[in-house]
């Protein structure tokens, strides 16, 4: 079992987001760039992975203002016009779960998928469920939140019992990084609006969140709680 602390956190000065008035960076000049957004949970997955593997000096953050996107991003970098995207070896790669795997496979640092076949099989099952997890939570805002959201959190509670250890595969893995950006946001919103504590009656989920919050390379990526609540209220309270 490797340490969950990861490499010592670098006190990183975060660059400001690039908007429609910005100029593009010198593309394909040999620099590895992670095009990201500090508030996006999908991008956060990759940001956490970068940090945990100690790649702050190797992979430069290029934050994009999603509310006022620069035209060059779609035209010259990533036609999908989404984040995250990675510029590496003269190519652009997208999709957060693909990128988490890519960083683990192509860069040095702690290995984030176990070699154990049973754990790798369960990792695939959990990663496939991430979209269902998010859709279940978002759709719950239209109905019985406690009942419908509870199904998704019960799934995680059950998954956390499969292997010995506080994380989804027992030891920390990229599967934890795939889920925590969304769990942290849903936890804030459900507690604020519905007074629903997602950890009540779910001791394994409570421990999982607690243990992840001990990892500096994750906590430095966490969004401002008040911003998350404001954003979720603006997006979802109209349908409540």
Protein backbone atom coordinates (compact mmCIF):
# COMPACT_ATOMS: atom_id res chain seq x y z
CA UNK A 1 0.00 0.00 0.00
CA UNK A 2 1.51 3.28 -1.06
CA UNK A 3 1.22 6.53 0.86
CA UNK A 4 -1.93 8.51 0.22
CA UNK A 5 -0.16 11.81 0.68
CA UNK A 6 1.39 11.81 -2.79
CA UNK A 7 4.41 13.94 -3.60
CA UNK A 8 4.93 17.04 -1.50
CA UNK A 9 2.52 19.70 -2.71
CA UNK A 10 4.11 22.48 -4.66
CA UNK A 11 2.92 25.93 -3.64
CA UNK A 12 1.65 26.67 -7.13
CA UNK A 13 0.65 30.12 -8.30
CA UNK A 14 -2.46 29.52 -10.37
CA UNK A 15 -2.61 31.48 -13.64
CA UNK A 16 -5.74 33.54 -14.36
CA UNK A 17 -8.35 32.15 -16.77
CA UNK A 18 -8.00 33.08 -20.44
CA UNK A 19 -11.06 34.73 -21.98
CA UNK A 20 -12.12 35.93 -25.42
CA UNK A 21 -9.65 38.82 -25.31
CA UNK A 22 -6.67 36.54 -24.72
CA UNK A 23 -4.02 35.31 -27.11
CA UNK A 24 -3.31 31.58 -27.46
CA UNK A 25 -0.18 30.08 -25.95
CA UNK A 26 2.57 29.00 -28.39
CA UNK A 27 0.89 25.74 -29.36
CA UNK A 28 2.81 22.52 -30.00
CA UNK A 29 6.12 23.98 -28.87
CA UNK A 30 6.98 20.95 -26.74
CA UNK A 31 5.22 22.21 -23.62
CA UNK A 32 2.68 19.87 -22.06
CA UNK A 33 -0.45 21.84 -21.20
CA UNK A 34 -3.61 20.95 -19.33
CA UNK A 35 -6.48 23.13 -20.54
CA UNK A 36 -8.76 23.32 -17.58
CA UNK A 37 -11.25 25.34 -15.58
CA UNK A 38 -10.95 25.78 -11.83
CA UNK A 39 -14.70 25.27 -11.27
CA UNK A 40 -15.30 22.29 -13.58
CA UNK A 41 -15.58 18.89 -11.84
CA UNK A 42 -14.55 17.03 -14.99
CA UNK A 43 -11.38 19.09 -15.28
CA UNK A 44 -10.80 18.71 -11.55
CA UNK A 45 -10.42 14.95 -12.01
CA UNK A 46 -7.36 15.51 -14.17
CA UNK A 47 -6.02 18.37 -12.07
CA UNK A 48 -6.03 16.15 -8.97
CA UNK A 49 -4.27 13.37 -10.88
CA UNK A 50 -1.61 15.77 -12.18
CA UNK A 51 -0.96 17.04 -8.68
CA UNK A 52 -0.93 13.64 -7.01
CA UNK A 53 1.60 12.29 -9.50
CA UNK A 54 3.81 15.31 -8.83
CA UNK A 55 3.58 16.71 -12.36
CA UNK A 56 3.15 20.38 -11.53
CA UNK A 57 6.44 21.26 -13.21
CA UNK A 58 5.85 19.02 -16.22
CA UNK A 59 2.24 19.89 -17.06
CA UNK A 60 1.35 23.57 -17.28
CA UNK A 61 -2.16 24.65 -16.32
CA UNK A 62 -3.97 26.75 -18.92
CA UNK A 63 -7.34 27.75 -17.42
CA UNK A 64 -10.13 28.66 -19.83
CA UNK A 65 -12.98 31.04 -18.98
CA UNK A 66 -15.97 28.89 -19.92
CA UNK A 67 -18.37 31.83 -19.69
CA UNK A 68 -16.33 33.87 -22.17
CA UNK A 69 -14.31 31.33 -24.13
CA UNK A 70 -11.51 32.43 -26.44
CA UNK A 71 -12.29 31.60 -30.06
CA UNK A 72 -8.79 30.22 -30.57
CA UNK A 73 -9.48 27.39 -28.14
CA UNK A 74 -12.05 25.76 -30.43
CA UNK A 75 -10.30 26.76 -33.65
CA UNK A 76 -6.72 25.86 -32.79
CA UNK A 77 -6.73 23.60 -29.74
CA UNK A 78 -9.82 21.45 -29.17
CA UNK A 79 -12.71 21.50 -31.66
CA UNK A 80 -15.01 20.03 -28.99
CA UNK A 81 -14.53 23.36 -27.16
CA UNK A 82 -14.67 21.63 -23.76
CA UNK A 83 -12.33 21.15 -20.85
CA UNK A 84 -10.30 19.30 -19.86
CA UNK A 85 -7.93 18.76 -22.76
CA UNK A 86 -4.26 17.85 -22.73
CA UNK A 87 -1.63 19.05 -25.18
CA UNK A 88 1.14 16.44 -25.21
CA UNK A 89 3.55 15.18 -27.85
CA UNK A 90 2.04 17.41 -30.54
CA UNK A 91 -1.49 16.14 -30.07
CA UNK A 92 -4.60 17.09 -28.12
CA UNK A 93 -6.43 14.54 -25.99
CA UNK A 94 -9.81 15.09 -24.36
CA UNK A 95 -12.36 13.46 -22.03
CA UNK A 96 -11.63 13.50 -18.32
CA UNK A 97 -11.60 9.76 -17.59
CA UNK A 98 -9.40 9.10 -20.62
CA UNK A 99 -7.02 11.81 -19.45
CA UNK A 100 -6.79 10.47 -15.91
CA UNK A 101 -5.75 7.11 -17.36
CA UNK A 102 -3.40 8.80 -19.83
CA UNK A 103 -1.53 10.66 -17.10
CA UNK A 104 -1.21 7.47 -15.10
CA UNK A 105 0.11 5.52 -18.10
CA UNK A 106 2.43 8.10 -19.66
CA UNK A 107 3.96 9.98 -16.73
CA UNK A 108 6.05 9.08 -13.72
CA UNK A 109 4.70 9.24 -10.19
CA UNK A 110 2.53 7.05 -7.95
CA UNK A 111 0.66 4.38 -9.91
CA UNK A 112 -3.07 4.99 -9.63
CA UNK A 113 -4.48 1.67 -10.84
CA UNK A 114 -3.62 -1.54 -9.00
CA UNK A 115 -2.22 -4.60 -10.75
CA UNK A 116 -4.57 -6.94 -8.88
CA UNK A 117 -7.04 -8.34 -11.49
CA UNK A 118 -10.05 -8.24 -9.15
CA UNK A 119 -9.40 -4.61 -8.28
CA UNK A 120 -8.84 -3.63 -11.91
CA UNK A 121 -12.12 -5.30 -12.88
CA UNK A 122 -13.97 -3.46 -10.13
CA UNK A 123 -12.25 -0.23 -11.15
CA UNK A 124 -13.73 -0.59 -14.65
CA UNK A 125 -17.18 -1.22 -13.18
CA UNK A 126 -16.93 1.88 -11.00
CA UNK A 127 -15.63 4.08 -13.80
CA UNK A 128 -18.48 2.98 -16.07
CA UNK A 129 -20.96 3.90 -13.34
CA UNK A 130 -19.76 7.51 -13.02
CA UNK A 131 -22.14 8.82 -15.69
CA UNK A 132 -25.08 6.96 -14.14
CA UNK A 133 -24.10 8.31 -10.73
CA UNK A 134 -24.13 11.90 -11.95
CA UNK A 135 -27.33 11.52 -13.97
CA UNK A 136 -29.09 9.96 -10.98
CA UNK A 137 -28.09 12.85 -8.75
CA UNK A 138 -29.01 15.57 -11.22
CA UNK A 139 -32.39 13.97 -12.00
CA UNK A 140 -33.12 13.60 -8.28
CA UNK A 141 -33.53 17.38 -8.08
CA UNK A 142 -36.78 16.96 -10.04
CA UNK A 143 -38.30 14.38 -7.69
CA UNK A 144 -37.84 12.83 -4.28
CA UNK A 145 -34.28 13.96 -3.65
CA UNK A 146 -33.57 11.90 -0.54
CA UNK A 147 -34.93 8.69 -2.05
CA UNK A 148 -33.47 9.07 -5.54
CA UNK A 149 -30.11 10.55 -4.54
CA UNK A 150 -29.84 7.93 -1.84
CA UNK A 151 -29.61 5.19 -4.46
CA UNK A 152 -26.41 6.69 -5.87
CA UNK A 153 -24.80 7.24 -2.48
CA UNK A 154 -25.83 3.75 -1.35
CA UNK A 155 -23.97 2.41 -4.38
CA UNK A 156 -20.78 4.13 -3.21
CA UNK A 157 -21.33 3.00 0.38
CA UNK A 158 -21.61 -0.58 -0.82
CA UNK A 159 -18.60 -0.26 -3.14
CA UNK A 160 -16.48 1.01 -0.25
CA UNK A 161 -17.08 -2.26 1.60
CA UNK A 162 -15.63 -4.50 -1.12
CA UNK A 163 -11.94 -4.14 -0.27
CA UNK A 164 -10.09 -3.47 2.97
CA UNK A 165 -9.14 0.18 3.23
CA UNK A 166 -10.93 3.55 3.16
CA UNK A 167 -10.92 4.04 -0.62
CA UNK A 168 -12.95 2.57 -3.46
CA UNK A 169 -10.30 -0.01 -4.32
CA UNK A 170 -9.02 -0.21 -0.76
CA UNK A 171 -5.95 1.88 -1.54
CA UNK A 172 -6.20 5.29 -3.17
CA UNK A 173 -6.67 5.15 -6.94
CA UNK A 174 -7.77 7.20 -9.90
CA UNK A 175 -11.30 5.87 -9.27
CA UNK A 176 -11.47 8.04 -6.15
CA UNK A 177 -10.37 11.03 -8.22
CA UNK A 178 -13.13 10.27 -10.73
CA UNK A 179 -15.87 10.53 -8.09
CA UNK A 180 -14.81 13.05 -5.48
CA UNK A 181 -15.26 16.26 -7.57
CA UNK A 182 -18.93 15.40 -8.01
CA UNK A 183 -19.54 14.01 -4.54
CA UNK A 184 -18.14 17.15 -2.93
CA UNK A 185 -20.46 19.37 -4.96
CA UNK A 186 -23.56 17.26 -4.39
CA UNK A 187 -22.75 17.07 -0.68
CA UNK A 188 -22.63 20.87 -0.38
CA UNK A 189 -25.81 21.47 -2.38
CA UNK A 190 -27.92 18.74 -0.78
CA UNK A 191 -26.95 19.84 2.71
CA UNK A 192 -27.60 23.52 1.98
CA UNK A 193 -30.92 23.22 0.15
CA UNK A 194 -32.45 19.98 1.43
CA UNK A 195 -30.66 19.63 4.79
CA UNK A 196 -29.74 16.17 3.54
CA UNK A 197 -26.54 14.75 5.01
CA UNK A 198 -25.26 12.24 2.46
CA UNK A 199 -22.99 10.61 5.08
CA UNK A 200 -25.79 9.90 7.57
CA UNK A 201 -26.08 6.12 7.85
CA UNK A 202 -23.16 5.72 5.47
CA UNK A 203 -20.04 5.43 7.64
CA UNK A 204 -17.83 4.22 4.81
CA UNK A 205 -18.75 7.20 2.66
CA UNK A 206 -18.06 9.52 5.59
CA UNK A 207 -14.62 7.98 6.11
CA UNK A 208 -13.86 8.11 2.38
CA UNK A 209 -14.58 11.84 2.22
CA UNK A 210 -12.63 12.43 5.43
CA UNK A 211 -9.58 10.55 4.15
CA UNK A 212 -9.60 12.33 0.81
CA UNK A 213 -9.68 15.66 2.60
CA UNK A 214 -6.36 14.76 4.22
CA UNK A 215 -4.69 14.74 0.79
CA UNK A 216 -3.25 18.16 -0.01
CA UNK A 217 -2.93 17.45 -3.72
CA UNK A 218 -6.71 17.09 -3.79
CA UNK A 219 -7.73 19.83 -1.36
CA UNK A 220 -5.86 22.53 -3.29
CA UNK A 221 -8.20 21.83 -6.22
CA UNK A 222 -11.44 22.19 -4.25
CA UNK A 223 -13.77 24.96 -5.43
CA UNK A 224 -15.11 27.62 -3.13
CA UNK A 225 -18.16 26.11 -1.35
CA UNK A 226 -20.21 29.29 -1.61
CA UNK A 227 -19.57 29.45 -5.35
CA UNK A 228 -20.69 25.83 -5.77
CA UNK A 229 -23.91 26.44 -3.85
CA UNK A 230 -24.68 29.62 -5.81
CA UNK A 231 -24.03 27.87 -9.11
CA UNK A 232 -26.18 24.84 -8.27
CA UNK A 233 -29.00 27.04 -6.98
CA UNK A 234 -28.94 29.09 -10.18
CA UNK A 235 -28.99 25.98 -12.36
CA UNK A 236 -31.34 23.70 -10.48
CA UNK A 237 -33.64 25.61 -8.15
CA UNK A 238 -35.79 26.65 -11.12
CA UNK A 239 -36.86 23.01 -11.50
CA UNK A 240 -37.48 22.32 -7.81
